[in-house]
Structures are given as structure tokens and as C-alpha cells.
Amino acid sequence: MITKREIFNLPNTITLMRISVVPFLFILLSSPGEFWSLILAVIFLLASFTDFVDGYVARKYQMVTTLGKFLDPIADKLIINTAIILMIPISRIPAWIVAITIVRDLLVDWIRSIASCEGIFIQASRLGKQKTFAQIIAVTALIAHYSIFGVDAHIVGTVILYVALLLTIYSGMDYFIKFYRYRAEE
């Protein structure tokens, strides 16, 4: 049974705050001008930064919970995938990249769920963390979209998005390989 203390400890509260950014994505990406794009990019970046904060706090102060382990990756995928989906109609990201990203996330979650049911824990890989970091930077730049200090944020975001796409595919294959190896060992 999950206690109130486990739900509302500091790391889980930080994670829930990250999830609360999703409605702002819907509102501000529906008709983004230069000012609101920049504001939303800052909000998105700050919310994404809390991903590192909640994990650090949870480990340092021994506040790691089952709920936190469940919520944290969902919060990451929810905020990133919501942002990339909402950028399709405003032509800031190609739909095919969004499709690959979401399918990969679903497949990795499926693999990890099957592994978990079999008593195998497939930990988040370094590649997966690098993918998430590249996605955060790319999505932030694509949300900003306009020129910032003479640098075209959209071009920067697009270049980093392709790096993130390669990491998305490569890290997805890595999860498949790890799962296959665990099953082959049995």
C-alpha cells in the first residue's frame, strides 16, 4: 500500500510539478509567437531540469520510492512526447521523427514490463539518458524556434533532434539486445 508520505515526498512532488507543465505546452504551443515561444522554452527547460533534481534528492536523502521509480520516466516521456506531438502542426518537427520516438518509447516500456514480470530489472542505460538529454536540448531549441542572440534556434534544434533520433534508435536496440541476452541466459 502506498502511503501519503511516499506520494508527497520531495522528489515525487518535484516529479508531479514537472507533469504539471503539460497544460502549458497545450496552451502556449497552440499559437506561439516569438515571446511565448521563448517563455515556453524556458519553462520546458526548467521542468526538464527537475528530472535531474528529483533523482538526486531521492538518492541523496534515501527517498527513493516505488511510486517515484514509476512516475519519473512517465513524467519524462509525457513532457517530451507532448511537446513534440504539439510541434507537428506548427511545422517545427517532422511527424515521422515523432512517430519513431513514440514507437521506440512504447517498445522499450513493453520490454521492460515483460522483463519486470519475469523478475528481470533492465535499468535505464547511459544511452537512454543521453537520448533524453539530447531530446531536452532539441525540444527546448525547437520550442524557442526564433533567433536568439543571432543564432537560429530552429536550426540548432533540428540538428540536435537528428542526434537525438540516432540515440533514440540506438538506445532502443540496446534495450532489445539486453532483454534478449537476459532471456538467453535462462
C-alpha atoms as a PDB file:
ATOM      1  CA  MET A   1       0.000   0.000   0.000  1.00  0.00           C
ATOM      2  CA  ILE A   2       1.327   3.431  -0.918  1.00  0.00           C
ATOM      3  CA  THR A   3       1.309   5.863   1.976  1.00  0.00           C
ATOM      4  CA  LYS A   4       0.618   9.577   1.830  1.00  0.00           C
ATOM      5  CA  ARG A   5       4.213  10.190   2.878  1.00  0.00           C
ATOM      6  CA  GLU A   6       5.519   8.141  -0.055  1.00  0.00           C
ATOM      7  CA  ILE A   7       3.340  10.009  -2.552  1.00  0.00           C
ATOM      8  CA  PHE A   8       4.142  13.511  -1.344  1.00  0.00           C
ATOM      9  CA  ASN A   9       7.806  13.226  -0.505  1.00  0.00           C
ATOM     10  CA  LEU A  10      10.000  15.939  -2.055  1.00  0.00           C
ATOM     11  CA  PRO A  11      11.282  14.001  -5.109  1.00  0.00           C
ATOM     12  CA  ASN A  12       7.778  12.799  -6.049  1.00  0.00           C
ATOM     13  CA  THR A  13       6.372  16.298  -5.585  1.00  0.00           C
ATOM     14  CA  ILE A  14       9.070  17.641  -7.929  1.00  0.00           C
ATOM     15  CA  THR A  15       8.132  14.958 -10.479  1.00  0.00           C
ATOM     16  CA  LEU A  16       4.437  15.862 -10.207  1.00  0.00           C
ATOM     17  CA  MET A  17       5.360  19.529 -10.747  1.00  0.00           C
ATOM     18  CA  ARG A  18       7.149  18.503 -13.957  1.00  0.00           C
ATOM     19  CA  ILE A  19       3.976  16.790 -15.155  1.00  0.00           C
ATOM     20  CA  SER A  20       2.014  19.980 -14.394  1.00  0.00           C
ATOM     21  CA  VAL A  21       3.859  21.731 -17.244  1.00  0.00           C
ATOM     22  CA  VAL A  22       1.904  19.690 -19.821  1.00  0.00           C
ATOM     23  CA  PRO A  23      -1.167  22.010 -19.858  1.00  0.00           C
ATOM     24  CA  PHE A  24       1.137  24.996 -20.501  1.00  0.00           C
ATOM     25  CA  LEU A  25       2.513  23.154 -23.527  1.00  0.00           C
ATOM     26  CA  PHE A  26      -1.019  22.765 -24.898  1.00  0.00           C
ATOM     27  CA  ILE A  27      -1.914  26.401 -24.300  1.00  0.00           C
ATOM     28  CA  LEU A  28       1.296  28.092 -25.387  1.00  0.00           C
ATOM     29  CA  LEU A  29       2.103  25.866 -28.378  1.00  0.00           C
ATOM     30  CA  SER A  30      -1.350  26.386 -29.878  1.00  0.00           C
ATOM     31  CA  SER A  31      -0.427  29.847 -31.188  1.00  0.00           C
ATOM     32  CA  PRO A  32       3.201  30.524 -30.382  1.00  0.00           C
ATOM     33  CA  GLY A  33       4.659  33.890 -31.159  1.00  0.00           C
ATOM     34  CA  GLU A  34       8.258  34.854 -30.564  1.00  0.00           C
ATOM     35  CA  PHE A  35       7.721  35.992 -26.946  1.00  0.00           C
ATOM     36  CA  TRP A  36       5.614  32.994 -25.850  1.00  0.00           C
ATOM     37  CA  SER A  37       7.909  30.561 -27.638  1.00  0.00           C
ATOM     38  CA  LEU A  38      10.832  31.849 -25.608  1.00  0.00           C
ATOM     39  CA  ILE A  39       8.841  31.794 -22.347  1.00  0.00           C
ATOM     40  CA  LEU A  40       7.675  28.239 -23.020  1.00  0.00           C
ATOM     41  CA  ALA A  41      11.212  27.140 -23.918  1.00  0.00           C
ATOM     42  CA  VAL A  42      12.414  28.426 -20.533  1.00  0.00           C
ATOM     43  CA  ILE A  43       9.512  26.705 -18.726  1.00  0.00           C
ATOM     44  CA  PHE A  44      10.213  23.456 -20.588  1.00  0.00           C
ATOM     45  CA  LEU A  45      13.942  23.619 -19.819  1.00  0.00           C
ATOM     46  CA  LEU A  46      13.323  24.327 -16.117  1.00  0.00           C
ATOM     47  CA  ALA A  47      10.784  21.495 -15.915  1.00  0.00           C
ATOM     48  CA  SER A  48      13.232  19.167 -17.657  1.00  0.00           C
ATOM     49  CA  PHE A  49      15.984  20.170 -15.247  1.00  0.00           C
ATOM     50  CA  THR A  50      13.801  18.962 -12.358  1.00  0.00           C
ATOM     51  CA  ASP A  51      14.310  15.435 -13.752  1.00  0.00           C
ATOM     52  CA  PHE A  52      17.901  15.604 -12.534  1.00  0.00           C
ATOM     53  CA  VAL A  53      16.932  17.297  -9.265  1.00  0.00           C
ATOM     54  CA  ASP A  54      14.281  14.783  -8.178  1.00  0.00           C
ATOM     55  CA  GLY A  55      16.577  11.817  -8.802  1.00  0.00           C
ATOM     56  CA  TYR A  56      19.462  13.451  -6.970  1.00  0.00           C
ATOM     57  CA  VAL A  57      17.298  14.340  -3.951  1.00  0.00           C
ATOM     58  CA  ALA A  58      15.737  10.865  -3.879  1.00  0.00           C
ATOM     59  CA  ARG A  59      19.122   9.119  -3.853  1.00  0.00           C
ATOM     60  CA  LYS A  60      20.979  11.546  -1.586  1.00  0.00           C
ATOM     61  CA  TYR A  61      18.293  11.602   1.112  1.00  0.00           C
ATOM     62  CA  GLN A  62      17.233   7.961   0.649  1.00  0.00           C
ATOM     63  CA  MET A  63      13.745   8.924  -0.508  1.00  0.00           C
ATOM     64  CA  VAL A  64      13.611   6.529  -3.453  1.00  0.00           C
ATOM     65  CA  THR A  65      10.106   5.050  -3.677  1.00  0.00           C
ATOM     66  CA  THR A  66       8.367   2.572  -5.931  1.00  0.00           C
ATOM     67  CA  LEU A  67       5.989   5.345  -6.954  1.00  0.00           C
ATOM     68  CA  GLY A  68       8.926   7.615  -7.812  1.00  0.00           C
ATOM     69  CA  LYS A  69      10.539   4.899  -9.949  1.00  0.00           C
ATOM     70  CA  PHE A  70       7.225   4.593 -11.787  1.00  0.00           C
ATOM     71  CA  LEU A  71       6.395   8.322 -12.094  1.00  0.00           C
ATOM     72  CA  ASP A  72       9.802   9.670 -13.125  1.00  0.00           C
ATOM     73  CA  PRO A  73      10.103   8.004 -16.543  1.00  0.00           C
ATOM     74  CA  ILE A  74       6.418   8.649 -17.229  1.00  0.00           C
ATOM     75  CA  ALA A  75       6.916  12.354 -16.472  1.00  0.00           C
ATOM     76  CA  ASP A  76       9.906  12.492 -18.836  1.00  0.00           C
ATOM     77  CA  LYS A  77       8.048  10.826 -21.677  1.00  0.00           C
ATOM     78  CA  LEU A  78       4.864  12.776 -21.046  1.00  0.00           C
ATOM     79  CA  ILE A  79       6.515  16.199 -21.204  1.00  0.00           C
ATOM     80  CA  ILE A  80       8.831  15.409 -24.137  1.00  0.00           C
ATOM     81  CA  ASN A  81       6.280  13.476 -26.197  1.00  0.00           C
ATOM     82  CA  THR A  82       3.553  16.068 -25.594  1.00  0.00           C
ATOM     83  CA  ALA A  83       5.890  18.824 -26.769  1.00  0.00           C
ATOM     84  CA  ILE A  84       6.991  17.001 -29.918  1.00  0.00           C
ATOM     85  CA  ILE A  85       3.440  15.996 -30.840  1.00  0.00           C
ATOM     86  CA  LEU A  86       2.229  19.580 -30.416  1.00  0.00           C
ATOM     87  CA  MET A  87       5.042  20.884 -32.612  1.00  0.00           C
ATOM     88  CA  ILE A  88       3.916  18.815 -35.622  1.00  0.00           C
ATOM     89  CA  PRO A  89       1.002  21.096 -36.642  1.00  0.00           C
ATOM     90  CA  ILE A  90       3.119  24.235 -36.287  1.00  0.00           C
ATOM     91  CA  SER A  91       5.817  22.688 -38.540  1.00  0.00           C
ATOM     92  CA  ARG A  92       8.605  22.681 -36.003  1.00  0.00           C
ATOM     93  CA  ILE A  93       9.207  18.936 -36.094  1.00  0.00           C
ATOM     94  CA  PRO A  94       8.562  16.249 -38.729  1.00  0.00           C
ATOM     95  CA  ALA A  95       5.808  13.778 -37.858  1.00  0.00           C
ATOM     96  CA  TRP A  96       7.945  10.770 -38.822  1.00  0.00           C
ATOM     97  CA  ILE A  97      10.516  11.629 -36.151  1.00  0.00           C
ATOM     98  CA  VAL A  98       7.746  11.913 -33.577  1.00  0.00           C
ATOM     99  CA  ALA A  99       6.367   8.535 -34.675  1.00  0.00           C
ATOM    100  CA  ILE A 100       9.760   6.808 -34.358  1.00  0.00           C
ATOM    101  CA  THR A 101      10.320   8.381 -30.947  1.00  0.00           C
ATOM    102  CA  ILE A 102       6.942   7.352 -29.555  1.00  0.00           C
ATOM    103  CA  VAL A 103       7.047   3.830 -31.017  1.00  0.00           C
ATOM    104  CA  ARG A 104      10.519   3.325 -29.556  1.00  0.00           C
ATOM    105  CA  ASP A 105       9.319   4.518 -26.131  1.00  0.00           C
ATOM    106  CA  LEU A 106       6.333   2.160 -26.244  1.00  0.00           C
ATOM    107  CA  LEU A 107       8.503  -0.795 -27.289  1.00  0.00           C
ATOM    108  CA  VAL A 108      11.083  -0.124 -24.581  1.00  0.00           C
ATOM    109  CA  ASP A 109       8.332   0.198 -21.963  1.00  0.00           C
ATOM    110  CA  TRP A 110       6.837  -3.073 -23.222  1.00  0.00           C
ATOM    111  CA  ILE A 111      10.207  -4.849 -22.998  1.00  0.00           C
ATOM    112  CA  ARG A 112      10.866  -3.513 -19.514  1.00  0.00           C
ATOM    113  CA  SER A 113       7.379  -4.564 -18.397  1.00  0.00           C
ATOM    114  CA  ILE A 114       7.841  -8.109 -19.698  1.00  0.00           C
ATOM    115  CA  ALA A 115      11.265  -8.279 -18.092  1.00  0.00           C
ATOM    116  CA  SER A 116       9.851  -6.996 -14.805  1.00  0.00           C
ATOM    117  CA  CYS A 117       7.128  -9.670 -14.837  1.00  0.00           C
ATOM    118  CA  GLU A 118       9.886 -12.251 -15.243  1.00  0.00           C
ATOM    119  CA  GLY A 119      11.847 -10.811 -12.321  1.00  0.00           C
ATOM    120  CA  ILE A 120      14.397  -9.109 -14.558  1.00  0.00           C
ATOM    121  CA  PHE A 121      15.133  -5.439 -13.982  1.00  0.00           C
ATOM    122  CA  ILE A 122      16.514  -3.637 -17.014  1.00  0.00           C
ATOM    123  CA  GLN A 123      17.922  -0.414 -15.693  1.00  0.00           C
ATOM    124  CA  ALA A 124      17.876   2.815 -17.685  1.00  0.00           C
ATOM    125  CA  SER A 125      21.023   2.800 -19.782  1.00  0.00           C
ATOM    126  CA  ARG A 126      23.562   5.544 -20.270  1.00  0.00           C
ATOM    127  CA  LEU A 127      22.436   5.689 -23.913  1.00  0.00           C
ATOM    128  CA  GLY A 128      18.845   6.231 -22.796  1.00  0.00           C
ATOM    129  CA  LYS A 129      19.950   9.071 -20.551  1.00  0.00           C
ATOM    130  CA  GLN A 130      21.989  10.615 -23.378  1.00  0.00           C
ATOM    131  CA  LYS A 131      18.931  10.307 -25.647  1.00  0.00           C
ATOM    132  CA  THR A 132      16.768  12.097 -23.085  1.00  0.00           C
ATOM    133  CA  PHE A 133      19.348  14.869 -22.650  1.00  0.00           C
ATOM    134  CA  ALA A 134      19.620  15.379 -26.427  1.00  0.00           C
ATOM    135  CA  GLN A 135      15.816  15.407 -26.708  1.00  0.00           C
ATOM    136  CA  ILE A 136      15.545  18.041 -23.962  1.00  0.00           C
ATOM    137  CA  ILE A 137      18.049  20.327 -25.691  1.00  0.00           C
ATOM    138  CA  ALA A 138      16.488  19.765 -29.135  1.00  0.00           C
ATOM    139  CA  VAL A 139      12.921  20.289 -27.933  1.00  0.00           C
ATOM    140  CA  THR A 140      13.898  23.409 -25.972  1.00  0.00           C
ATOM    141  CA  ALA A 141      15.521  24.919 -29.078  1.00  0.00           C
ATOM    142  CA  LEU A 142      12.594  23.897 -31.303  1.00  0.00           C
ATOM    143  CA  ILE A 143      10.109  25.430 -28.885  1.00  0.00           C
ATOM    144  CA  ALA A 144      12.188  28.647 -28.823  1.00  0.00           C
ATOM    145  CA  HIS A 145      12.209  28.438 -32.645  1.00  0.00           C
ATOM    146  CA  TYR A 146      13.187  32.045 -33.358  1.00  0.00           C
ATOM    147  CA  SER A 147      16.622  33.627 -33.484  1.00  0.00           C
ATOM    148  CA  ILE A 148      18.202  34.119 -30.065  1.00  0.00           C
ATOM    149  CA  PHE A 149      21.315  36.329 -29.882  1.00  0.00           C
ATOM    150  CA  GLY A 150      21.718  35.927 -33.621  1.00  0.00           C
ATOM    151  CA  VAL A 151      21.513  32.111 -33.546  1.00  0.00           C
ATOM    152  CA  ASP A 152      18.595  30.414 -35.298  1.00  0.00           C
ATOM    153  CA  ALA A 153      17.164  28.227 -32.518  1.00  0.00           C
ATOM    154  CA  HIS A 154      15.157  26.168 -35.005  1.00  0.00           C
ATOM    155  CA  ILE A 155      18.240  25.132 -36.985  1.00  0.00           C
ATOM    156  CA  VAL A 156      20.156  24.295 -33.798  1.00  0.00           C
ATOM    157  CA  GLY A 157      17.172  22.330 -32.500  1.00  0.00           C
ATOM    158  CA  THR A 158      16.804  20.421 -35.763  1.00  0.00           C
ATOM    159  CA  VAL A 159      20.467  19.385 -35.811  1.00  0.00           C
ATOM    160  CA  ILE A 160      20.302  18.200 -32.196  1.00  0.00           C
ATOM    161  CA  LEU A 161      16.977  16.493 -32.938  1.00  0.00           C
ATOM    162  CA  TYR A 162      18.708  14.274 -35.516  1.00  0.00           C
ATOM    163  CA  VAL A 163      21.379  13.403 -32.939  1.00  0.00           C
ATOM    164  CA  ALA A 164      18.577  12.568 -30.502  1.00  0.00           C
ATOM    165  CA  LEU A 165      16.901  10.446 -33.196  1.00  0.00           C
ATOM    166  CA  LEU A 166      20.077   8.395 -33.693  1.00  0.00           C
ATOM    167  CA  LEU A 167      20.375   7.948 -29.916  1.00  0.00           C
ATOM    168  CA  THR A 168      16.671   7.025 -29.774  1.00  0.00           C
ATOM    169  CA  ILE A 169      17.131   4.238 -32.316  1.00  0.00           C
ATOM    170  CA  TYR A 170      20.468   3.051 -30.924  1.00  0.00           C
ATOM    171  CA  SER A 171      19.310   3.029 -27.285  1.00  0.00           C
ATOM    172  CA  GLY A 172      16.116   1.214 -28.298  1.00  0.00           C
ATOM    173  CA  MET A 173      18.189  -1.500 -29.969  1.00  0.00           C
ATOM    174  CA  ASP A 174      20.353  -1.643 -26.838  1.00  0.00           C
ATOM    175  CA  TYR A 175      17.288  -2.426 -24.688  1.00  0.00           C
ATOM    176  CA  PHE A 176      16.257  -5.194 -27.115  1.00  0.00           C
ATOM    177  CA  ILE A 177      19.760  -6.698 -27.002  1.00  0.00           C
ATOM    178  CA  LYS A 178      19.895  -6.582 -23.187  1.00  0.00           C
ATOM    179  CA  PHE A 179      16.491  -8.229 -22.935  1.00  0.00           C
ATOM    180  CA  TYR A 180      17.469 -10.913 -25.446  1.00  0.00           C
ATOM    181  CA  ARG A 181      20.685 -11.638 -23.525  1.00  0.00           C
ATOM    182  CA  TYR A 182      18.835 -11.920 -20.206  1.00  0.00           C
ATOM    183  CA  ARG A 183      16.362 -14.361 -21.767  1.00  0.00           C
ATOM    184  CA  ALA A 184      19.121 -16.332 -23.467  1.00  0.00           C
ATOM    185  CA  GLU A 185      20.930 -16.784 -20.137  1.00  0.00           C
ATOM    186  CA  GLU A 186      17.897 -18.503 -18.612  1.00  0.00           C
END
